[in-house]
N, C-alpha and C. Protein backbone atom coordinates (compact mmCIF):
# COMPACT_ATOMS: atom_id res chain seq x y z
N MET A 1 16.88 8.36 -3.62
CA MET A 1 15.92 9.46 -3.77
C MET A 1 14.55 8.90 -4.15
N ILE A 2 13.50 9.36 -3.48
CA ILE A 2 12.13 8.92 -3.77
C ILE A 2 11.48 9.94 -4.69
N ASN A 3 11.14 9.52 -5.88
CA ASN A 3 10.49 10.40 -6.85
C ASN A 3 8.98 10.28 -6.74
N ILE A 4 8.31 11.42 -6.60
CA ILE A 4 6.87 11.42 -6.34
C ILE A 4 6.13 12.31 -7.34
N LEU A 5 4.97 11.83 -7.78
CA LEU A 5 4.05 12.62 -8.59
C LEU A 5 2.85 12.97 -7.72
N LEU A 6 2.50 14.24 -7.65
CA LEU A 6 1.34 14.69 -6.89
C LEU A 6 0.14 14.83 -7.81
N VAL A 7 -0.99 14.25 -7.41
CA VAL A 7 -2.21 14.34 -8.21
C VAL A 7 -3.34 14.86 -7.33
N ASP A 8 -3.75 16.10 -7.57
CA ASP A 8 -4.83 16.73 -6.80
C ASP A 8 -5.31 17.95 -7.59
N ASP A 9 -6.62 18.13 -7.66
CA ASP A 9 -7.12 19.26 -8.46
C ASP A 9 -7.18 20.56 -7.67
N HIS A 10 -6.88 20.51 -6.36
CA HIS A 10 -6.83 21.72 -5.55
C HIS A 10 -5.39 22.22 -5.52
N ILE A 11 -5.14 23.29 -6.25
CA ILE A 11 -3.77 23.77 -6.44
C ILE A 11 -3.11 24.18 -5.12
N LEU A 12 -3.84 24.86 -4.25
CA LEU A 12 -3.25 25.31 -2.99
C LEU A 12 -2.81 24.13 -2.14
N PHE A 13 -3.66 23.10 -2.06
CA PHE A 13 -3.28 21.91 -1.29
C PHE A 13 -2.07 21.23 -1.92
N ARG A 14 -2.10 21.12 -3.23
CA ARG A 14 -1.01 20.47 -3.95
C ARG A 14 0.31 21.20 -3.72
N GLU A 15 0.26 22.52 -3.78
CA GLU A 15 1.48 23.31 -3.57
C GLU A 15 1.98 23.17 -2.14
N GLY A 16 1.04 23.06 -1.19
CA GLY A 16 1.45 22.87 0.20
C GLY A 16 2.18 21.55 0.40
N ILE A 17 1.64 20.48 -0.18
CA ILE A 17 2.29 19.18 -0.09
C ILE A 17 3.63 19.20 -0.82
N ASN A 18 3.67 19.89 -1.94
CA ASN A 18 4.90 20.01 -2.71
C ASN A 18 5.99 20.68 -1.87
N SER A 19 5.65 21.77 -1.20
CA SER A 19 6.62 22.48 -0.36
C SER A 19 7.13 21.59 0.77
N LEU A 20 6.20 20.84 1.36
CA LEU A 20 6.57 19.94 2.45
C LEU A 20 7.55 18.87 1.97
N LEU A 21 7.23 18.24 0.85
CA LEU A 21 8.05 17.14 0.36
C LEU A 21 9.39 17.62 -0.20
N GLN A 22 9.39 18.76 -0.88
CA GLN A 22 10.63 19.27 -1.46
C GLN A 22 11.63 19.67 -0.39
N GLY A 23 11.15 19.85 0.84
CA GLY A 23 12.04 20.19 1.93
C GLY A 23 12.75 18.98 2.53
N GLN A 24 12.43 17.78 2.03
CA GLN A 24 13.05 16.56 2.53
C GLN A 24 14.25 16.18 1.66
N PRO A 25 15.37 15.84 2.27
CA PRO A 25 16.59 15.56 1.49
C PRO A 25 16.51 14.32 0.61
N ASP A 26 15.59 13.41 0.92
CA ASP A 26 15.53 12.14 0.18
C ASP A 26 14.28 12.03 -0.69
N ILE A 27 13.55 13.15 -0.88
CA ILE A 27 12.31 13.13 -1.65
C ILE A 27 12.33 14.22 -2.71
N THR A 28 11.89 13.88 -3.91
CA THR A 28 11.77 14.85 -4.99
C THR A 28 10.39 14.74 -5.62
N VAL A 29 9.71 15.86 -5.77
CA VAL A 29 8.44 15.89 -6.50
C VAL A 29 8.78 16.14 -7.96
N VAL A 30 8.56 15.13 -8.80
CA VAL A 30 8.98 15.24 -10.20
C VAL A 30 7.96 15.98 -11.05
N ALA A 31 6.69 16.00 -10.61
CA ALA A 31 5.65 16.69 -11.38
C ALA A 31 4.37 16.76 -10.56
N GLN A 32 3.44 17.60 -11.02
CA GLN A 32 2.13 17.73 -10.40
C GLN A 32 1.05 17.60 -11.46
N ALA A 33 -0.06 16.96 -11.10
CA ALA A 33 -1.17 16.78 -12.02
C ALA A 33 -2.47 17.17 -11.33
N GLY A 34 -3.42 17.66 -12.14
CA GLY A 34 -4.71 18.06 -11.58
C GLY A 34 -5.88 17.29 -12.16
N SER A 35 -5.59 16.22 -12.90
CA SER A 35 -6.66 15.45 -13.54
C SER A 35 -6.20 14.02 -13.79
N VAL A 36 -7.15 13.16 -14.12
CA VAL A 36 -6.84 11.77 -14.46
C VAL A 36 -5.93 11.72 -15.68
N THR A 37 -6.29 12.49 -16.69
CA THR A 37 -5.51 12.51 -17.94
C THR A 37 -4.07 12.91 -17.70
N GLU A 38 -3.87 13.99 -16.92
CA GLU A 38 -2.51 14.44 -16.62
C GLU A 38 -1.75 13.41 -15.80
N ALA A 39 -2.44 12.80 -14.84
CA ALA A 39 -1.80 11.81 -13.98
C ALA A 39 -1.24 10.65 -14.80
N ILE A 40 -2.04 10.17 -15.74
CA ILE A 40 -1.61 9.05 -16.59
C ILE A 40 -0.43 9.47 -17.47
N ARG A 41 -0.55 10.64 -18.08
CA ARG A 41 0.51 11.12 -18.99
C ARG A 41 1.82 11.36 -18.25
N LEU A 42 1.74 12.01 -17.10
CA LEU A 42 2.96 12.35 -16.36
C LEU A 42 3.60 11.12 -15.71
N THR A 43 2.79 10.16 -15.33
CA THR A 43 3.35 8.91 -14.79
C THR A 43 4.14 8.19 -15.87
N LYS A 44 3.58 8.13 -17.06
CA LYS A 44 4.25 7.47 -18.17
C LYS A 44 5.57 8.19 -18.51
N HIS A 45 5.56 9.52 -18.41
CA HIS A 45 6.74 10.31 -18.77
C HIS A 45 7.82 10.25 -17.69
N HIS A 46 7.43 10.44 -16.42
CA HIS A 46 8.41 10.56 -15.34
C HIS A 46 8.70 9.24 -14.63
N LYS A 47 7.79 8.28 -14.71
CA LYS A 47 7.93 6.99 -14.04
C LYS A 47 8.30 7.15 -12.56
N PRO A 48 7.48 7.88 -11.79
CA PRO A 48 7.77 8.08 -10.37
C PRO A 48 7.62 6.78 -9.58
N GLU A 49 8.32 6.70 -8.47
CA GLU A 49 8.17 5.54 -7.59
C GLU A 49 6.80 5.57 -6.90
N ILE A 50 6.35 6.78 -6.57
CA ILE A 50 5.09 6.94 -5.84
C ILE A 50 4.22 7.98 -6.52
N VAL A 51 2.93 7.67 -6.61
CA VAL A 51 1.94 8.66 -7.03
C VAL A 51 1.02 8.91 -5.85
N LEU A 52 1.02 10.15 -5.35
CA LEU A 52 0.08 10.54 -4.29
C LEU A 52 -1.19 10.99 -4.99
N MET A 53 -2.27 10.24 -4.81
CA MET A 53 -3.46 10.38 -5.64
C MET A 53 -4.68 10.85 -4.84
N ASP A 54 -5.32 11.91 -5.32
CA ASP A 54 -6.60 12.31 -4.74
C ASP A 54 -7.69 11.40 -5.29
N PHE A 55 -8.81 11.32 -4.59
CA PHE A 55 -9.88 10.42 -5.04
C PHE A 55 -10.75 11.07 -6.11
N THR A 56 -11.15 12.32 -5.86
CA THR A 56 -12.06 13.00 -6.78
C THR A 56 -11.30 13.97 -7.68
N LEU A 57 -11.42 13.78 -8.99
CA LEU A 57 -10.73 14.62 -9.97
C LEU A 57 -11.73 15.11 -11.01
N PRO A 58 -11.43 16.19 -11.72
CA PRO A 58 -12.40 16.80 -12.64
C PRO A 58 -12.89 15.87 -13.76
N ASP A 59 -12.00 15.02 -14.25
CA ASP A 59 -12.37 14.17 -15.39
C ASP A 59 -12.52 12.70 -15.03
N GLY A 60 -12.75 12.42 -13.76
CA GLY A 60 -12.91 11.04 -13.33
C GLY A 60 -12.53 10.89 -11.87
N THR A 61 -12.08 9.71 -11.50
CA THR A 61 -11.66 9.47 -10.12
C THR A 61 -10.23 8.95 -10.09
N GLY A 62 -9.67 8.99 -8.89
CA GLY A 62 -8.34 8.42 -8.71
C GLY A 62 -8.31 6.94 -9.04
N LEU A 63 -9.46 6.27 -8.87
CA LEU A 63 -9.54 4.85 -9.22
C LEU A 63 -9.30 4.65 -10.71
N ASP A 64 -9.91 5.53 -11.52
CA ASP A 64 -9.72 5.44 -12.98
C ASP A 64 -8.24 5.57 -13.33
N ALA A 65 -7.61 6.56 -12.73
CA ALA A 65 -6.18 6.78 -13.01
C ALA A 65 -5.34 5.61 -12.52
N THR A 66 -5.67 5.10 -11.34
CA THR A 66 -4.90 4.00 -10.76
C THR A 66 -4.91 2.77 -11.65
N ARG A 67 -6.08 2.41 -12.14
CA ARG A 67 -6.19 1.20 -12.97
C ARG A 67 -5.37 1.32 -14.25
N VAL A 68 -5.42 2.49 -14.88
CA VAL A 68 -4.66 2.68 -16.12
C VAL A 68 -3.17 2.70 -15.84
N ILE A 69 -2.78 3.44 -14.80
CA ILE A 69 -1.36 3.55 -14.45
C ILE A 69 -0.76 2.19 -14.14
N LEU A 70 -1.45 1.40 -13.32
CA LEU A 70 -0.90 0.10 -12.93
C LEU A 70 -0.89 -0.89 -14.08
N ALA A 71 -1.79 -0.70 -15.03
CA ALA A 71 -1.78 -1.56 -16.22
C ALA A 71 -0.57 -1.25 -17.10
N GLU A 72 -0.18 0.04 -17.13
CA GLU A 72 0.93 0.46 -17.99
C GLU A 72 2.27 0.49 -17.25
N GLU A 73 2.22 0.83 -15.96
CA GLU A 73 3.44 0.94 -15.15
C GLU A 73 3.21 0.19 -13.84
N PRO A 74 3.24 -1.15 -13.87
CA PRO A 74 2.87 -1.96 -12.71
C PRO A 74 3.75 -1.79 -11.48
N ASN A 75 4.94 -1.23 -11.63
CA ASN A 75 5.83 -1.05 -10.48
C ASN A 75 5.57 0.25 -9.73
N THR A 76 4.62 1.05 -10.21
CA THR A 76 4.30 2.31 -9.54
C THR A 76 3.54 2.05 -8.25
N ASN A 77 3.93 2.75 -7.20
CA ASN A 77 3.24 2.66 -5.91
C ASN A 77 2.25 3.81 -5.81
N ILE A 78 0.97 3.50 -5.75
CA ILE A 78 -0.04 4.54 -5.67
C ILE A 78 -0.61 4.61 -4.26
N ILE A 79 -0.56 5.80 -3.69
CA ILE A 79 -1.10 6.04 -2.35
C ILE A 79 -2.17 7.11 -2.46
N PHE A 80 -3.37 6.77 -2.04
CA PHE A 80 -4.43 7.77 -2.04
C PHE A 80 -4.25 8.71 -0.86
N LEU A 81 -4.38 10.00 -1.12
CA LEU A 81 -4.34 11.02 -0.08
C LEU A 81 -5.60 11.85 -0.27
N THR A 82 -6.58 11.66 0.61
CA THR A 82 -7.92 12.15 0.35
C THR A 82 -8.64 12.57 1.62
N VAL A 83 -9.78 13.24 1.43
CA VAL A 83 -10.62 13.61 2.58
C VAL A 83 -11.68 12.56 2.83
N HIS A 84 -11.82 11.61 1.92
CA HIS A 84 -12.90 10.63 2.01
C HIS A 84 -12.57 9.51 3.00
N GLU A 85 -13.38 9.41 4.05
CA GLU A 85 -13.15 8.39 5.07
C GLU A 85 -14.04 7.17 4.90
N GLU A 86 -14.97 7.22 3.93
CA GLU A 86 -15.95 6.15 3.80
C GLU A 86 -15.27 4.80 3.51
N ASP A 87 -15.79 3.76 4.16
CA ASP A 87 -15.24 2.43 3.96
C ASP A 87 -15.25 2.03 2.49
N GLU A 88 -16.33 2.35 1.79
CA GLU A 88 -16.46 1.94 0.40
C GLU A 88 -15.31 2.48 -0.45
N ARG A 89 -14.94 3.74 -0.22
CA ARG A 89 -13.83 4.33 -0.99
C ARG A 89 -12.51 3.64 -0.65
N LEU A 90 -12.32 3.38 0.63
CA LEU A 90 -11.10 2.70 1.08
C LEU A 90 -10.98 1.34 0.41
N PHE A 91 -12.06 0.55 0.45
CA PHE A 91 -12.01 -0.80 -0.12
C PHE A 91 -11.80 -0.76 -1.63
N GLU A 92 -12.44 0.20 -2.30
CA GLU A 92 -12.28 0.32 -3.75
C GLU A 92 -10.83 0.64 -4.10
N ALA A 93 -10.22 1.50 -3.32
CA ALA A 93 -8.83 1.88 -3.58
C ALA A 93 -7.89 0.68 -3.44
N ILE A 94 -8.09 -0.09 -2.37
CA ILE A 94 -7.24 -1.26 -2.15
C ILE A 94 -7.45 -2.29 -3.26
N ARG A 95 -8.70 -2.50 -3.64
CA ARG A 95 -8.98 -3.47 -4.71
C ARG A 95 -8.38 -3.02 -6.05
N SER A 96 -8.28 -1.73 -6.25
CA SER A 96 -7.75 -1.22 -7.53
C SER A 96 -6.24 -1.42 -7.65
N GLY A 97 -5.60 -1.77 -6.52
CA GLY A 97 -4.16 -2.00 -6.55
C GLY A 97 -3.34 -0.95 -5.83
N ALA A 98 -4.01 0.00 -5.19
CA ALA A 98 -3.29 1.05 -4.46
C ALA A 98 -2.48 0.44 -3.31
N LYS A 99 -1.34 1.05 -3.03
CA LYS A 99 -0.45 0.58 -1.97
C LYS A 99 -0.82 1.18 -0.62
N GLY A 100 -1.69 2.21 -0.65
CA GLY A 100 -2.06 2.84 0.61
C GLY A 100 -3.24 3.77 0.46
N TYR A 101 -3.77 4.17 1.62
CA TYR A 101 -4.92 5.07 1.64
C TYR A 101 -4.79 5.92 2.90
N LEU A 102 -4.49 7.20 2.71
CA LEU A 102 -4.28 8.11 3.83
C LEU A 102 -5.24 9.28 3.73
N LEU A 103 -5.59 9.82 4.88
CA LEU A 103 -6.44 11.01 4.91
C LEU A 103 -5.57 12.26 4.88
N LYS A 104 -6.16 13.34 4.39
CA LYS A 104 -5.39 14.59 4.26
C LYS A 104 -5.04 15.21 5.61
N ASN A 105 -5.65 14.72 6.69
CA ASN A 105 -5.28 15.22 8.02
C ASN A 105 -4.24 14.32 8.69
N THR A 106 -3.63 13.42 7.92
CA THR A 106 -2.56 12.58 8.45
C THR A 106 -1.41 13.47 8.92
N PRO A 107 -0.90 13.26 10.14
CA PRO A 107 0.22 14.07 10.62
C PRO A 107 1.42 14.00 9.67
N THR A 108 2.12 15.12 9.56
CA THR A 108 3.25 15.21 8.62
C THR A 108 4.27 14.10 8.83
N ALA A 109 4.64 13.85 10.08
CA ALA A 109 5.65 12.83 10.36
C ALA A 109 5.18 11.45 9.90
N LYS A 110 3.89 11.18 10.08
CA LYS A 110 3.34 9.89 9.64
C LYS A 110 3.36 9.78 8.13
N LEU A 111 2.96 10.85 7.46
CA LEU A 111 2.95 10.85 5.99
C LEU A 111 4.34 10.56 5.45
N LEU A 112 5.34 11.26 5.97
CA LEU A 112 6.71 11.06 5.50
C LEU A 112 7.19 9.64 5.80
N SER A 113 6.81 9.13 6.96
CA SER A 113 7.19 7.77 7.33
C SER A 113 6.58 6.75 6.37
N PHE A 114 5.32 6.95 6.01
CA PHE A 114 4.66 6.04 5.08
C PHE A 114 5.32 6.09 3.70
N LEU A 115 5.65 7.29 3.24
CA LEU A 115 6.28 7.43 1.93
C LEU A 115 7.62 6.71 1.90
N ARG A 116 8.38 6.85 2.96
CA ARG A 116 9.68 6.17 3.02
C ARG A 116 9.50 4.66 3.18
N GLY A 117 8.44 4.27 3.86
CA GLY A 117 8.18 2.85 4.07
C GLY A 117 7.87 2.11 2.79
N VAL A 118 7.35 2.83 1.81
CA VAL A 118 7.03 2.19 0.53
C VAL A 118 8.28 1.59 -0.10
N GLN A 119 9.43 2.21 0.13
CA GLN A 119 10.68 1.65 -0.40
C GLN A 119 11.01 0.31 0.24
N GLN A 120 10.46 0.08 1.43
CA GLN A 120 10.65 -1.20 2.12
C GLN A 120 9.48 -2.13 1.87
N ASP A 121 8.66 -1.77 0.87
CA ASP A 121 7.51 -2.58 0.47
C ASP A 121 6.45 -2.66 1.57
N GLU A 122 6.27 -1.56 2.30
CA GLU A 122 5.26 -1.50 3.34
C GLU A 122 4.00 -0.80 2.83
N ALA A 123 2.85 -1.27 3.26
CA ALA A 123 1.59 -0.63 2.87
C ALA A 123 1.41 0.65 3.68
N ALA A 124 0.84 1.68 3.04
CA ALA A 124 0.60 2.96 3.71
C ALA A 124 -0.85 3.00 4.20
N LEU A 125 -1.08 2.34 5.32
CA LEU A 125 -2.41 2.30 5.92
C LEU A 125 -2.30 2.53 7.41
N MET A 126 -3.12 3.44 7.94
CA MET A 126 -3.16 3.62 9.38
C MET A 126 -3.74 2.35 10.00
N PRO A 127 -3.34 2.01 11.24
CA PRO A 127 -3.81 0.77 11.87
C PRO A 127 -5.32 0.59 11.85
N GLN A 128 -6.07 1.69 12.08
CA GLN A 128 -7.53 1.55 12.09
C GLN A 128 -8.08 1.18 10.72
N MET A 129 -7.38 1.60 9.67
CA MET A 129 -7.83 1.26 8.32
C MET A 129 -7.52 -0.19 7.98
N VAL A 130 -6.39 -0.68 8.48
CA VAL A 130 -6.08 -2.10 8.30
C VAL A 130 -7.18 -2.94 8.92
N THR A 131 -7.59 -2.56 10.12
CA THR A 131 -8.66 -3.29 10.81
C THR A 131 -9.96 -3.24 10.03
N ARG A 132 -10.28 -2.07 9.47
CA ARG A 132 -11.52 -1.94 8.70
C ARG A 132 -11.51 -2.80 7.45
N VAL A 133 -10.36 -2.89 6.78
CA VAL A 133 -10.26 -3.73 5.59
C VAL A 133 -10.49 -5.19 5.95
N LEU A 134 -9.82 -5.66 7.00
CA LEU A 134 -9.95 -7.06 7.39
C LEU A 134 -11.36 -7.37 7.88
N ASP A 135 -11.94 -6.46 8.65
CA ASP A 135 -13.29 -6.68 9.17
C ASP A 135 -14.32 -6.75 8.04
N GLU A 136 -14.14 -5.90 7.03
CA GLU A 136 -15.08 -5.90 5.91
C GLU A 136 -15.09 -7.24 5.18
N PHE A 137 -13.91 -7.75 4.89
CA PHE A 137 -13.86 -9.01 4.17
C PHE A 137 -14.27 -10.18 5.05
N ALA A 138 -14.08 -10.05 6.35
CA ALA A 138 -14.50 -11.10 7.26
C ALA A 138 -16.02 -11.24 7.28
N ARG A 139 -16.73 -10.16 6.93
CA ARG A 139 -18.19 -10.19 6.92
C ARG A 139 -18.74 -10.82 5.65
N GLN A 140 -17.90 -10.98 4.66
CA GLN A 140 -18.37 -11.56 3.41
C GLN A 140 -18.52 -13.07 3.54
N SER A 141 -19.24 -13.65 2.65
CA SER A 141 -19.51 -15.09 2.71
C SER A 141 -18.26 -15.89 2.43
N ASN A 142 -18.21 -17.11 2.95
CA ASN A 142 -17.07 -17.98 2.73
C ASN A 142 -16.86 -18.28 1.26
N SER A 143 -17.92 -18.26 0.50
CA SER A 143 -17.81 -18.56 -0.92
C SER A 143 -16.98 -17.53 -1.66
N GLU A 144 -16.85 -16.35 -1.07
CA GLU A 144 -16.04 -15.31 -1.69
C GLU A 144 -14.62 -15.31 -1.15
N ARG A 145 -14.33 -16.29 -0.28
CA ARG A 145 -12.99 -16.45 0.27
C ARG A 145 -12.49 -15.15 0.89
N PRO A 146 -13.14 -14.69 1.97
CA PRO A 146 -12.81 -13.40 2.56
C PRO A 146 -11.38 -13.29 3.06
N GLN A 147 -10.75 -14.44 3.40
CA GLN A 147 -9.42 -14.36 3.96
C GLN A 147 -8.39 -13.80 2.98
N THR A 148 -8.70 -13.86 1.69
CA THR A 148 -7.74 -13.32 0.72
C THR A 148 -7.48 -11.84 0.96
N ALA A 149 -8.43 -11.16 1.59
CA ALA A 149 -8.25 -9.73 1.85
C ALA A 149 -7.08 -9.46 2.76
N GLY A 150 -6.81 -10.42 3.67
CA GLY A 150 -5.71 -10.22 4.59
C GLY A 150 -4.39 -10.06 3.88
N LEU A 151 -4.23 -10.74 2.75
CA LEU A 151 -2.98 -10.65 2.01
C LEU A 151 -2.73 -9.26 1.47
N LEU A 152 -3.79 -8.47 1.32
CA LEU A 152 -3.64 -7.11 0.79
C LEU A 152 -2.82 -6.22 1.72
N VAL A 153 -2.87 -6.51 3.02
CA VAL A 153 -2.17 -5.65 3.97
C VAL A 153 -0.75 -6.14 4.25
N LEU A 154 -0.35 -7.22 3.61
CA LEU A 154 1.02 -7.71 3.77
C LEU A 154 1.89 -7.17 2.65
N SER A 155 3.14 -6.89 2.98
CA SER A 155 4.09 -6.47 1.95
C SER A 155 4.46 -7.69 1.10
N ASN A 156 5.08 -7.45 -0.03
CA ASN A 156 5.50 -8.57 -0.89
C ASN A 156 6.45 -9.51 -0.14
N ARG A 157 7.36 -8.93 0.63
CA ARG A 157 8.30 -9.75 1.39
C ARG A 157 7.56 -10.57 2.45
N GLU A 158 6.58 -9.96 3.12
CA GLU A 158 5.82 -10.70 4.13
C GLU A 158 5.03 -11.85 3.50
N ARG A 159 4.54 -11.64 2.29
CA ARG A 159 3.85 -12.73 1.59
C ARG A 159 4.81 -13.87 1.28
N GLU A 160 6.04 -13.51 0.90
CA GLU A 160 7.05 -14.54 0.63
C GLU A 160 7.33 -15.35 1.89
N VAL A 161 7.47 -14.65 3.01
CA VAL A 161 7.72 -15.33 4.28
C VAL A 161 6.54 -16.21 4.66
N LEU A 162 5.32 -15.72 4.44
CA LEU A 162 4.12 -16.50 4.74
C LEU A 162 4.10 -17.79 3.93
N HIS A 163 4.44 -17.71 2.65
CA HIS A 163 4.48 -18.91 1.81
C HIS A 163 5.55 -19.89 2.31
N GLU A 164 6.68 -19.37 2.76
CA GLU A 164 7.72 -20.24 3.30
C GLU A 164 7.25 -20.90 4.59
N LEU A 165 6.55 -20.14 5.43
CA LEU A 165 5.99 -20.70 6.66
C LEU A 165 5.06 -21.85 6.34
N ALA A 166 4.23 -21.64 5.33
CA ALA A 166 3.24 -22.65 4.95
C ALA A 166 3.91 -23.93 4.46
N SER A 167 5.14 -23.80 3.96
CA SER A 167 5.86 -24.98 3.49
C SER A 167 6.55 -25.72 4.63
N GLY A 168 6.48 -25.13 5.84
CA GLY A 168 7.08 -25.76 7.01
C GLY A 168 8.51 -25.35 7.28
N ALA A 169 8.99 -24.34 6.58
CA ALA A 169 10.38 -23.90 6.74
C ALA A 169 10.60 -23.22 8.09
N SER A 170 11.78 -23.42 8.65
CA SER A 170 12.15 -22.75 9.90
C SER A 170 12.62 -21.34 9.59
N ASN A 171 12.79 -20.53 10.64
CA ASN A 171 13.29 -19.16 10.44
C ASN A 171 14.65 -19.17 9.75
N HIS A 172 15.50 -20.11 10.16
CA HIS A 172 16.84 -20.20 9.57
C HIS A 172 16.76 -20.54 8.08
N GLU A 173 15.88 -21.48 7.74
CA GLU A 173 15.73 -21.88 6.34
C GLU A 173 15.17 -20.74 5.50
N ILE A 174 14.20 -20.02 6.07
CA ILE A 174 13.61 -18.89 5.36
C ILE A 174 14.66 -17.81 5.12
N ALA A 175 15.46 -17.54 6.16
CA ALA A 175 16.51 -16.53 6.05
C ALA A 175 17.49 -16.89 4.93
N ARG A 176 17.86 -18.16 4.86
CA ARG A 176 18.80 -18.61 3.82
C ARG A 176 18.18 -18.48 2.43
N ARG A 177 16.92 -18.88 2.29
CA ARG A 177 16.27 -18.85 0.97
C ARG A 177 16.06 -17.42 0.47
N LEU A 178 15.77 -16.50 1.41
CA LEU A 178 15.47 -15.12 1.02
C LEU A 178 16.68 -14.20 1.14
N SER A 179 17.81 -14.77 1.58
CA SER A 179 19.06 -14.01 1.71
C SER A 179 18.90 -12.82 2.67
N VAL A 180 18.30 -13.09 3.82
CA VAL A 180 18.16 -12.08 4.87
C VAL A 180 18.59 -12.71 6.19
N SER A 181 18.66 -11.89 7.24
CA SER A 181 19.06 -12.41 8.55
C SER A 181 17.89 -13.11 9.24
N THR A 182 18.23 -13.96 10.20
CA THR A 182 17.18 -14.65 10.97
C THR A 182 16.33 -13.65 11.74
N ASN A 183 16.97 -12.60 12.27
CA ASN A 183 16.21 -11.57 13.00
C ASN A 183 15.21 -10.87 12.09
N THR A 184 15.61 -10.64 10.84
CA THR A 184 14.68 -10.02 9.88
C THR A 184 13.48 -10.92 9.65
N VAL A 185 13.72 -12.21 9.53
CA VAL A 185 12.61 -13.17 9.36
C VAL A 185 11.69 -13.14 10.57
N LYS A 186 12.28 -13.12 11.76
CA LYS A 186 11.47 -13.07 12.98
C LYS A 186 10.59 -11.83 13.00
N ASN A 187 11.14 -10.70 12.57
CA ASN A 187 10.35 -9.47 12.52
C ASN A 187 9.21 -9.60 11.52
N HIS A 188 9.48 -10.20 10.36
CA HIS A 188 8.43 -10.39 9.36
C HIS A 188 7.32 -11.30 9.90
N VAL A 189 7.71 -12.37 10.57
CA VAL A 189 6.72 -13.30 11.13
C VAL A 189 5.85 -12.59 12.16
N SER A 190 6.48 -11.78 13.01
CA SER A 190 5.74 -11.02 14.01
C SER A 190 4.75 -10.08 13.35
N ASN A 191 5.18 -9.40 12.29
CA ASN A 191 4.30 -8.47 11.57
C ASN A 191 3.14 -9.21 10.92
N ILE A 192 3.42 -10.37 10.34
CA ILE A 192 2.37 -11.17 9.70
C ILE A 192 1.30 -11.57 10.70
N LEU A 193 1.73 -12.08 11.84
CA LEU A 193 0.78 -12.51 12.87
C LEU A 193 -0.05 -11.34 13.37
N SER A 194 0.59 -10.19 13.52
CA SER A 194 -0.11 -9.00 14.00
C SER A 194 -1.14 -8.52 12.98
N LYS A 195 -0.73 -8.41 11.72
CA LYS A 195 -1.62 -7.89 10.68
C LYS A 195 -2.80 -8.81 10.40
N LEU A 196 -2.56 -10.13 10.48
CA LEU A 196 -3.62 -11.08 10.17
C LEU A 196 -4.37 -11.54 11.41
N LYS A 197 -3.97 -10.99 12.57
CA LYS A 197 -4.63 -11.31 13.83
C LYS A 197 -4.57 -12.82 14.12
N LEU A 198 -3.40 -13.38 13.95
CA LEU A 198 -3.18 -14.80 14.19
C LEU A 198 -2.26 -14.97 15.40
N LYS A 199 -2.31 -16.17 15.99
CA LYS A 199 -1.59 -16.37 17.25
C LYS A 199 -0.27 -17.12 17.11
N SER A 200 -0.11 -17.86 16.04
CA SER A 200 1.10 -18.67 15.95
C SER A 200 1.50 -18.92 14.50
N ARG A 201 2.71 -19.46 14.32
CA ARG A 201 3.18 -19.82 12.99
C ARG A 201 2.27 -20.86 12.34
N LYS A 202 1.79 -21.80 13.17
CA LYS A 202 0.90 -22.84 12.64
C LYS A 202 -0.39 -22.22 12.11
N HIS A 203 -0.93 -21.25 12.85
CA HIS A 203 -2.14 -20.57 12.40
C HIS A 203 -1.88 -19.85 11.08
N ALA A 204 -0.69 -19.27 10.95
CA ALA A 204 -0.35 -18.57 9.71
C ALA A 204 -0.29 -19.55 8.54
N ALA A 205 0.32 -20.71 8.77
CA ALA A 205 0.40 -21.72 7.72
C ALA A 205 -0.99 -22.22 7.35
N ASP A 206 -1.82 -22.47 8.36
CA ASP A 206 -3.20 -22.92 8.10
C ASP A 206 -3.97 -21.88 7.32
N TYR A 207 -3.74 -20.62 7.66
CA TYR A 207 -4.42 -19.50 7.00
C TYR A 207 -4.17 -19.54 5.49
N LEU A 208 -2.90 -19.70 5.12
CA LEU A 208 -2.56 -19.71 3.70
C LEU A 208 -3.07 -20.97 3.01
N HIS A 209 -3.00 -22.11 3.70
CA HIS A 209 -3.46 -23.35 3.09
C HIS A 209 -4.94 -23.28 2.72
N LYS A 210 -5.72 -22.55 3.51
CA LYS A 210 -7.15 -22.43 3.23
C LYS A 210 -7.43 -21.63 1.96
N LEU A 211 -6.44 -20.85 1.54
CA LEU A 211 -6.61 -20.03 0.34
C LEU A 211 -6.22 -20.79 -0.92
N LEU A 212 -5.55 -21.91 -0.75
CA LEU A 212 -5.00 -22.62 -1.91
C LEU A 212 -5.94 -23.72 -2.39
């Protein structure tokens, strides 16, 4: 069961999302909050797996809540659900530690898929937003090590696989070390190359070595 806390100061929208999620057999909305203060308090009390967070709140921003929540409950997955499409807001959310950033016009099926994907350690970002994150950091100076941004769009498991790749491990060796199947490793490698816009395993290894 996926336990979710809803954070939005618009009650009608919040109730609509609540009705949608409560209709799913594997999802439970444990509480609703309309402010930064409530979000922090209810997260500490209920310890939800996911917090669906609005950006603008009466007593601050979702960023404020995110930073406090992750400092106190680091295993919480925070996904922004907002009307704000601006790149600056997107980048701030990712830097704050959010696991995803979705717009309120995200199709229902996509939203549910992203929420379930969090259990598989997947980031909740539409493809165009992944591209925007990577492009933004690519424009920054080399002194700021822009490539580190690419790691933000990888799941924890994909980062583990990337580190194994960088050590020169084969798919079979990675599968044995991580206790997964070889096919699972192949899928992770394919996802890594796609997300980081790289062409080969060697490029992936070189990519990580440049960050070290």
